[in-house]
Amino acid sequence: MAIAIFGGSFDPPHAGHVAVVSRILDTLPIETLYIVPAYVNPFKSGTHAPPELRLQWLERMFASNKRVRVSAFEIEQGRPVPSVETVRHFKEVDPDIYLVIGADNLDALTKWHEFDALDRMVTWVVASRKGSEVPSRYLRLDVDVDISSTELRSLQKTHLIPDGVRKEIENYYKEIQCKND
């Protein structure tokens, strides 16, 4: 039985992420899904919420699901971690890995660190958004939740943040806005 890895900034985690997790568990022949929040996405300069806080939010969101584990692997490295390094780490757990990415990553995918090596190690799964094209070489995971982390950080559509962490996330981003005003 295989495993799946779903990484990202999760800044903040939201209903779109929950929908992806649900579709992964319903669709892929896996034993365990590892959610791996990035310390910092290698293609971004930073995050809005600190890594440890994003990790805690995810742990609370998925605590009741026995097939989901939230991994601190990338956060523990204290630096941006390329996906190929994360996959190598999880190869020790199970060599059969599905790597789940959002369709928004497809344009730059071949620019990822050691892409060719990564490509040989995983089965790619692309969580699609409305209007996104997914090439046939990738498994398509249809998830149609129209949401952006930017909107949530600006406190729009906060109803799309899961109940168990909504108030804390809203308060965190309100505090940031007050500091920046």
Protein backbone atom coordinates (compact mmCIF):
# COMPACT_ATOMS: atom_id res chain seq x y z
CA MET A 1 0.00 0.00 0.00
CA ALA A 2 1.35 3.44 -0.96
CA ILE A 3 1.52 6.78 0.81
CA ALA A 4 0.74 10.28 -0.42
CA ILE A 5 2.49 13.55 0.37
CA PHE A 6 0.60 16.84 0.23
CA GLY A 7 2.88 19.79 0.90
CA GLY A 8 2.35 23.51 0.89
CA SER A 9 2.57 26.74 2.80
CA PHE A 10 -0.89 26.36 4.37
CA ASP A 11 -0.80 30.08 5.17
CA PRO A 12 -3.54 29.69 6.37
CA PRO A 13 -4.99 26.21 6.03
CA HIS A 14 -8.54 26.33 4.64
CA ALA A 15 -11.53 24.45 3.21
CA GLY A 16 -9.71 23.99 -0.11
CA HIS A 17 -6.99 22.02 1.67
CA VAL A 18 -9.63 19.99 3.51
CA ALA A 19 -11.32 19.22 0.18
CA VAL A 20 -8.01 18.07 -1.34
CA VAL A 21 -7.35 15.82 1.66
CA SER A 22 -10.84 14.33 1.40
CA ARG A 23 -10.44 13.64 -2.34
CA ILE A 24 -6.98 12.10 -1.79
CA LEU A 25 -8.34 9.72 0.84
CA ASP A 26 -11.38 8.82 -1.28
CA THR A 27 -9.49 8.40 -4.55
CA LEU A 28 -5.91 7.20 -4.10
CA PRO A 29 -4.97 3.65 -3.06
CA ILE A 30 -2.94 4.80 -0.04
CA GLU A 31 -2.54 3.78 3.54
CA THR A 32 -1.44 7.17 4.90
CA LEU A 33 -1.50 10.78 3.74
CA TYR A 34 1.32 12.96 5.03
CA ILE A 35 0.57 16.67 5.11
CA VAL A 36 3.88 18.53 5.06
CA PRO A 37 3.80 22.26 5.76
CA ALA A 38 6.81 24.10 4.36
CA TYR A 39 9.14 26.07 6.58
CA VAL A 40 9.22 28.48 3.65
CA ASN A 41 8.21 27.59 0.11
CA PRO A 42 11.45 27.52 -1.96
CA PHE A 43 9.76 29.85 -4.49
CA LYS A 44 8.63 32.43 -1.92
CA SER A 45 10.51 34.86 0.29
CA GLY A 46 8.61 34.10 3.48
CA THR A 47 5.31 33.32 5.14
CA HIS A 48 2.77 35.38 7.02
CA ALA A 49 2.23 32.95 9.89
CA PRO A 50 5.24 31.27 11.51
CA PRO A 51 5.91 27.64 10.63
CA GLU A 52 5.19 26.23 14.09
CA LEU A 53 1.78 27.94 14.19
CA ARG A 54 0.78 26.63 10.75
CA LEU A 55 1.88 23.16 11.88
CA GLN A 56 -0.31 23.41 15.01
CA TRP A 57 -3.33 24.54 12.99
CA LEU A 58 -2.96 21.56 10.64
CA GLU A 59 -2.46 19.11 13.50
CA ARG A 60 -5.70 20.29 15.13
CA MET A 61 -7.60 20.24 11.83
CA PHE A 62 -6.71 16.63 11.05
CA ALA A 63 -6.25 15.13 14.54
CA SER A 64 -9.33 12.92 14.28
CA ASN A 65 -8.38 11.34 10.95
CA LYS A 66 -6.31 8.20 11.54
CA ARG A 67 -5.13 8.05 7.90
CA VAL A 68 -3.69 11.59 7.98
CA ARG A 69 -0.43 12.55 9.63
CA VAL A 70 0.90 16.07 9.76
CA SER A 71 4.67 15.99 9.41
CA ALA A 72 7.06 18.57 10.84
CA PHE A 73 9.90 17.30 8.61
CA GLU A 74 10.36 20.47 6.53
CA ILE A 75 9.79 22.81 9.47
CA GLU A 76 12.38 20.95 11.54
CA GLN A 77 14.97 21.66 8.81
CA GLY A 78 14.61 25.40 9.52
CA ARG A 79 15.03 26.34 5.86
CA PRO A 80 13.30 26.01 2.49
CA VAL A 81 13.28 22.30 1.63
CA PRO A 82 13.02 21.14 -2.00
CA SER A 83 10.32 18.52 -2.61
CA VAL A 84 12.92 16.01 -3.79
CA GLU A 85 14.48 16.08 -0.31
CA THR A 86 11.11 15.53 1.36
CA VAL A 87 10.33 12.63 -0.97
CA ARG A 88 13.73 11.04 -0.23
CA HIS A 89 12.93 11.30 3.48
CA PHE A 90 9.55 9.59 3.03
CA LYS A 91 10.98 6.89 0.74
CA GLU A 92 12.28 5.36 4.00
CA VAL A 93 8.64 5.01 5.14
CA ASP A 94 7.32 3.65 1.84
CA PRO A 95 8.93 3.62 -1.61
CA ASP A 96 5.54 3.95 -3.38
CA ILE A 97 4.70 7.67 -3.20
CA TYR A 98 1.99 9.84 -4.70
CA LEU A 99 3.02 13.51 -4.64
CA VAL A 100 0.02 15.84 -4.62
CA ILE A 101 0.42 19.34 -5.99
CA GLY A 102 -1.96 22.11 -6.98
CA ALA A 103 -2.56 22.84 -10.66
CA ASP A 104 -1.06 26.29 -10.04
CA ASN A 105 2.36 24.57 -9.75
CA LEU A 106 2.31 22.97 -13.21
CA ASP A 107 3.85 25.89 -15.13
CA ALA A 108 7.00 25.90 -13.01
CA LEU A 109 7.15 22.19 -12.16
CA THR A 110 10.11 21.36 -14.39
CA LYS A 111 12.08 24.15 -12.66
CA TRP A 112 11.81 22.39 -9.30
CA HIS A 113 15.12 21.33 -7.75
CA GLU A 114 16.27 18.00 -9.24
CA PHE A 115 12.98 17.68 -11.12
CA ASP A 116 14.11 14.67 -13.19
CA ALA A 117 15.06 12.69 -10.08
CA LEU A 118 11.82 13.70 -8.36
CA ASP A 119 9.83 12.75 -11.45
CA ARG A 120 11.28 9.22 -11.34
CA MET A 121 10.46 8.79 -7.63
CA VAL A 122 6.77 9.71 -7.50
CA THR A 123 3.40 9.37 -9.11
CA TRP A 124 2.19 12.90 -9.68
CA VAL A 125 -1.31 13.89 -8.59
CA VAL A 126 -2.60 17.32 -9.56
CA ALA A 127 -5.42 18.93 -7.59
CA SER A 128 -7.22 20.87 -10.28
CA ARG A 129 -9.02 24.16 -10.04
CA LYS A 130 -11.81 25.38 -12.27
CA GLY A 131 -10.43 26.08 -15.73
CA SER A 132 -7.05 24.44 -15.12
CA GLU A 133 -5.66 22.02 -17.67
CA VAL A 134 -3.94 18.92 -16.33
CA PRO A 135 -1.76 17.02 -18.83
CA SER A 136 -2.64 13.34 -19.19
CA ARG A 137 0.69 12.19 -17.73
CA TYR A 138 -0.54 13.31 -14.29
CA LEU A 139 -3.36 11.88 -12.22
CA ARG A 140 -6.08 14.49 -11.95
CA LEU A 141 -7.79 15.11 -8.62
CA ASP A 142 -10.90 17.20 -9.20
CA VAL A 143 -11.31 19.69 -6.38
CA ASP A 144 -13.39 22.73 -7.11
CA VAL A 145 -13.17 25.08 -4.14
CA ASP A 146 -12.73 28.68 -5.24
CA ILE A 147 -10.54 30.11 -2.51
CA SER A 148 -7.29 31.97 -2.13
CA SER A 149 -5.07 32.25 0.92
CA THR A 150 -4.62 35.95 0.13
CA GLU A 151 -8.36 36.52 0.54
CA LEU A 152 -8.34 34.67 3.84
CA ARG A 153 -5.37 36.63 5.18
CA SER A 154 -7.24 39.83 4.34
CA LEU A 155 -10.16 38.37 6.32
CA GLN A 156 -12.46 37.86 3.34
CA LYS A 157 -14.33 34.54 3.09
CA THR A 158 -13.17 33.42 6.56
CA HIS A 159 -16.15 31.05 6.62
CA LEU A 160 -13.91 28.83 4.46
CA ILE A 161 -11.53 28.29 7.37
CA PRO A 162 -12.39 25.10 9.31
CA ASP A 163 -14.35 25.65 12.52
CA GLY A 164 -11.78 24.22 14.94
CA VAL A 165 -9.15 26.81 13.99
CA ARG A 166 -11.18 29.66 12.47
CA LYS A 167 -11.20 32.08 15.43
CA GLU A 168 -7.49 31.63 16.11
CA ILE A 169 -6.58 32.15 12.45
CA GLU A 170 -8.86 35.20 12.14
CA ASN A 171 -7.34 36.72 15.29
CA TYR A 172 -3.81 36.02 14.09
CA TYR A 173 -4.30 37.78 10.74
CA LYS A 174 -6.26 40.66 12.36
CA GLU A 175 -3.28 41.22 14.64
CA ILE A 176 -0.91 41.30 11.65
CA GLN A 177 -3.15 43.81 9.87
CA CYS A 178 -3.19 46.06 12.95
CA LYS A 179 0.61 45.97 13.15
CA ASN A 180 0.90 46.87 9.44
CA ASP A 181 -1.60 49.75 9.57
